[in-house]
Amino acid sequence: MGLALYIVTVVGCGYLAYLTYTSHQRRSYDRMAKAALGLVAWIAIYLLALTVVSLASRDRIVGPGEEVVLCGIDPSCSLSASVIGLRRTKTVGNPPRELIAAGVFYVVTLRVTSTAANPAFKPGDLSGYVVDENGREFSMVPQAERELLSEMTSSGAASTSAAEPARNAYKKLLVLDVAPDVREPTLVITEGSALERLVEWFIMGDEASLLHGKPRIPLRIRTE
């Protein structure tokens, strides 16, 4: 519903913008003013409705063993993810390329599954951030993830981003730099390319839309 309304809004605003332009070219200023007013009103009403719907939502704490559904702009919502491992470490990599966390590195292992018949997994489009009980956010450290994967590869460990076609699943590592005094850390997973996420910001009711509540996975798993 939210995606359909977004598409209607984009098409409608595009048409009104076109009418505004063509009316200006033809020096039909009355028609241009009406089209421009309609365009501004449509955008304002949509953004107001988007804000109201988002503010009415709340963050949701995911229960033990529950998977988070990752819809993105896919109406079938075929992807889902769960945390299957958590490790805390101060450093990642080996000297001289060793990275030291400002706080503590959280190395999170996700298992991503798909219900699609022929899933097109894009591990690079999956990311996330940690939120604590005070609302503080802690972001990923892509360089630390690369160093960790390189270290695992050189040591002969299996890649954690390799697909498992028979089970329509793959594992994905996220490395985040989290404050040492964090309390009740939870993980918010984001999915899709930068352009897809930008589109999701304005899809009404989407959990990735602006100001909307997010599903949060408690980070309490001790072993991988």
Protein backbone atom coordinates (compact mmCIF):
# COMPACT_ATOMS: atom_id res chain seq x y z
CA MET A 1 0.00 0.00 0.00
CA GLY A 2 2.75 2.44 0.97
CA LEU A 3 4.77 1.72 -2.18
CA ALA A 4 1.69 2.09 -4.41
CA LEU A 5 0.85 5.43 -2.79
CA TYR A 6 4.45 6.56 -3.24
CA ILE A 7 4.36 5.67 -6.95
CA VAL A 8 1.05 7.51 -7.43
CA THR A 9 2.53 10.54 -5.67
CA VAL A 10 5.70 10.54 -7.78
CA VAL A 11 3.68 10.21 -11.02
CA GLY A 12 1.17 12.85 -9.95
CA CYS A 13 3.84 15.33 -8.88
CA GLY A 14 5.78 14.66 -12.05
CA TYR A 15 2.69 15.46 -14.12
CA LEU A 16 2.00 18.67 -12.18
CA ALA A 17 5.63 19.71 -12.56
CA TYR A 18 5.32 19.10 -16.31
CA LEU A 19 2.12 21.22 -16.46
CA THR A 20 3.87 24.00 -14.54
CA TYR A 21 6.76 24.00 -17.00
CA THR A 22 4.67 23.84 -20.18
CA SER A 23 2.31 26.54 -18.90
CA HIS A 24 5.28 28.80 -18.25
CA GLN A 25 6.61 28.15 -21.73
CA ARG A 26 3.23 29.07 -23.21
CA ARG A 27 2.94 32.12 -20.95
CA SER A 28 -0.30 30.71 -19.50
CA TYR A 29 0.42 32.06 -16.04
CA ASP A 30 -2.97 31.32 -14.49
CA ARG A 31 -2.64 27.66 -15.44
CA MET A 32 0.98 27.64 -14.26
CA ALA A 33 0.00 29.05 -10.87
CA LYS A 34 -2.73 26.44 -10.40
CA ALA A 35 -0.42 23.59 -11.38
CA ALA A 36 2.38 24.87 -9.11
CA LEU A 37 -0.05 25.28 -6.21
CA GLY A 38 -1.36 21.76 -6.75
CA LEU A 39 2.21 20.42 -6.80
CA VAL A 40 3.16 22.16 -3.55
CA ALA A 41 -0.09 21.09 -1.86
CA TRP A 42 0.31 17.45 -2.91
CA ILE A 43 3.90 17.30 -1.64
CA ALA A 44 2.97 19.04 1.64
CA ILE A 45 0.01 16.72 2.31
CA TYR A 46 2.06 13.62 1.52
CA LEU A 47 4.95 14.68 3.77
CA LEU A 48 2.53 15.53 6.58
CA ALA A 49 0.86 12.12 6.30
CA LEU A 50 4.28 10.44 6.16
CA THR A 51 5.36 12.23 9.33
CA VAL A 52 2.15 11.40 11.20
CA VAL A 53 2.33 7.70 10.28
CA SER A 54 6.02 7.50 11.20
CA LEU A 55 5.66 9.27 14.54
CA ALA A 56 2.77 6.99 15.45
CA SER A 57 5.07 3.97 15.12
CA ARG A 58 7.44 2.67 17.77
CA ASP A 59 10.71 0.76 17.80
CA ARG A 60 10.11 -2.97 18.24
CA ILE A 61 12.44 -5.29 20.16
CA VAL A 62 12.81 -8.57 18.29
CA GLY A 63 12.20 -11.70 20.35
CA PRO A 64 14.69 -14.59 20.78
CA GLY A 65 15.17 -16.54 17.56
CA GLU A 66 12.91 -14.18 15.59
CA GLU A 67 14.01 -13.10 12.12
CA VAL A 68 13.77 -9.53 10.88
CA VAL A 69 12.02 -9.20 7.53
CA LEU A 70 13.94 -7.01 5.07
CA CYS A 71 11.54 -5.65 2.49
CA GLY A 72 13.46 -2.79 0.93
CA ILE A 73 11.54 -1.79 -2.19
CA ASP A 74 10.67 -5.44 -2.83
CA PRO A 75 6.89 -5.84 -2.24
CA SER A 76 7.32 -9.60 -1.76
CA CYS A 77 9.58 -9.03 1.30
CA SER A 78 11.52 -12.20 0.47
CA LEU A 79 14.62 -11.48 2.61
CA SER A 80 14.96 -11.96 6.35
CA ALA A 81 17.90 -11.92 8.74
CA SER A 82 18.81 -13.05 12.23
CA VAL A 83 21.84 -12.67 14.49
CA ILE A 84 23.61 -16.01 14.95
CA GLY A 85 26.86 -14.82 16.48
CA LEU A 86 28.44 -11.99 18.43
CA ARG A 87 32.05 -11.43 19.42
CA ARG A 88 33.61 -8.45 21.15
CA THR A 89 37.22 -7.48 20.52
CA LYS A 90 39.43 -4.42 20.94
CA THR A 91 41.43 -4.99 17.75
CA VAL A 92 40.86 -6.36 14.26
CA GLY A 93 43.53 -7.48 11.81
CA ASN A 94 47.23 -8.07 12.22
CA PRO A 95 50.10 -5.56 12.52
CA PRO A 96 50.97 -3.34 10.74
CA ARG A 97 47.34 -3.11 9.50
CA GLU A 98 45.79 -3.77 12.88
CA LEU A 99 42.81 -1.55 13.68
CA ILE A 100 42.05 -0.48 17.26
CA ALA A 101 38.49 0.37 18.23
CA ALA A 102 37.69 3.71 19.83
CA GLY A 103 35.46 1.66 22.11
CA VAL A 104 34.92 -2.05 21.44
CA PHE A 105 34.45 -3.78 18.10
CA TYR A 106 31.22 -5.79 17.94
CA VAL A 107 31.66 -8.51 15.31
CA VAL A 108 28.13 -9.59 14.45
CA THR A 109 27.37 -12.61 12.29
CA LEU A 110 24.06 -12.50 10.45
CA ARG A 111 22.28 -15.30 8.64
CA VAL A 112 20.27 -13.94 5.73
CA THR A 113 17.65 -16.13 4.08
CA SER A 114 15.36 -15.70 1.10
CA THR A 115 12.03 -17.22 0.14
CA ALA A 116 12.57 -16.36 -3.53
CA ALA A 117 12.99 -19.24 -5.96
CA ASN A 118 16.21 -17.77 -7.38
CA PRO A 119 17.47 -15.19 -4.89
CA ALA A 120 19.94 -12.57 -6.10
CA PHE A 121 21.90 -11.99 -2.91
CA LYS A 122 23.81 -8.70 -2.63
CA PRO A 123 25.82 -8.89 0.64
CA GLY A 124 27.27 -5.44 -0.01
CA ASP A 125 23.78 -3.91 0.24
CA LEU A 126 23.31 -5.14 3.80
CA SER A 127 24.46 -2.95 6.70
CA GLY A 128 23.35 -1.85 10.13
CA TYR A 129 24.01 0.14 13.26
CA VAL A 130 23.80 -0.37 17.02
CA VAL A 131 21.41 1.59 19.24
CA ASP A 132 21.62 1.54 23.04
CA GLU A 133 18.96 2.19 25.67
CA ASN A 134 19.72 5.93 25.61
CA GLY A 135 19.27 6.19 21.85
CA ARG A 136 22.97 6.51 21.06
CA GLU A 137 23.88 5.12 17.65
CA PHE A 138 27.11 3.36 16.68
CA SER A 139 27.99 2.76 13.05
CA MET A 140 29.80 0.11 11.06
CA VAL A 141 33.51 0.20 10.31
CA PRO A 142 33.84 -1.13 6.73
CA GLN A 143 37.65 -1.16 6.87
CA ALA A 144 37.55 -3.36 9.98
CA GLU A 145 35.17 -5.74 8.21
CA ARG A 146 37.54 -5.99 5.25
CA GLU A 147 40.54 -6.61 7.51
CA LEU A 148 38.68 -9.29 9.44
CA LEU A 149 37.61 -11.10 6.27
CA SER A 150 41.17 -10.90 4.95
CA GLU A 151 42.47 -12.33 8.23
CA MET A 152 39.94 -15.18 8.11
CA THR A 153 40.79 -15.96 4.50
CA SER A 154 44.54 -16.04 5.17
CA SER A 155 43.99 -18.34 8.16
CA GLY A 156 41.89 -20.73 6.09
CA ALA A 157 38.59 -19.96 7.81
CA ALA A 158 35.45 -20.21 5.71
CA SER A 159 34.15 -16.97 4.27
CA THR A 160 31.23 -15.62 6.24
CA SER A 161 29.77 -13.91 3.19
CA ALA A 162 29.56 -17.02 1.03
CA ALA A 163 26.16 -17.99 -0.30
CA GLU A 164 24.51 -21.29 0.54
CA PRO A 165 22.37 -21.85 -2.60
CA ALA A 166 20.83 -25.12 -1.41
CA ARG A 167 19.32 -23.35 1.60
CA ASN A 168 18.78 -19.96 -0.04
CA ALA A 169 20.93 -18.38 2.64
CA TYR A 170 24.28 -16.76 3.33
CA LYS A 171 26.22 -15.40 6.28
CA LYS A 172 27.26 -11.79 6.57
CA LEU A 173 29.68 -10.07 8.98
CA LEU A 174 29.08 -6.61 10.40
CA VAL A 175 31.82 -4.90 12.42
CA LEU A 176 30.72 -1.95 14.54
CA ASP A 177 32.63 0.32 16.91
CA VAL A 178 30.57 0.53 20.11
CA ALA A 179 31.20 2.52 23.29
CA PRO A 180 32.52 0.37 26.17
CA ASP A 181 29.82 1.66 28.54
CA VAL A 182 26.93 0.70 26.23
CA ARG A 183 23.83 -0.71 27.93
CA GLU A 184 21.20 -2.91 26.26
CA PRO A 185 22.74 -2.72 22.75
CA THR A 186 20.42 -3.59 19.87
CA LEU A 187 21.11 -3.97 16.16
CA VAL A 188 19.11 -2.26 13.42
CA ILE A 189 19.64 -3.88 10.01
CA THR A 190 19.34 -1.89 6.79
CA GLU A 191 19.11 -3.38 3.31
CA GLY A 192 19.36 -2.12 -0.25
CA SER A 193 21.56 0.20 -2.27
CA ALA A 194 21.96 3.87 -1.38
CA LEU A 195 19.34 4.81 -3.99
CA GLU A 196 16.88 2.21 -2.70
CA ARG A 197 17.28 3.48 0.85
CA LEU A 198 16.69 7.04 -0.31
CA VAL A 199 13.44 5.92 -1.95
CA GLU A 200 12.41 4.07 1.23
CA TRP A 201 12.73 7.25 3.27
CA PHE A 202 9.54 8.49 1.59
CA ILE A 203 7.47 5.29 1.46
CA MET A 204 4.67 5.69 3.98
CA GLY A 205 4.55 2.91 6.57
CA ASP A 206 7.92 1.45 5.56
CA GLU A 207 10.12 0.67 8.56
CA ALA A 208 13.02 2.39 6.77
CA SER A 209 11.06 5.61 6.18
CA LEU A 210 11.99 8.84 7.92
CA LEU A 211 11.22 8.88 11.67
CA HIS A 212 9.57 5.44 11.54
CA GLY A 213 10.12 2.93 14.35
CA LYS A 214 12.63 0.18 13.62
CA PRO A 215 12.88 -3.51 14.57
CA ARG A 216 15.84 -3.89 16.94
CA ILE A 217 17.69 -7.14 17.61
CA PRO A 218 19.15 -7.49 21.15
CA LEU A 219 22.88 -8.27 21.02
CA ARG A 220 23.19 -10.88 23.75
CA ILE A 221 24.54 -13.92 21.91
CA ARG A 222 27.87 -14.94 23.43
CA THR A 223 29.27 -17.44 20.95
CA GLU A 224 29.25 -18.05 17.18
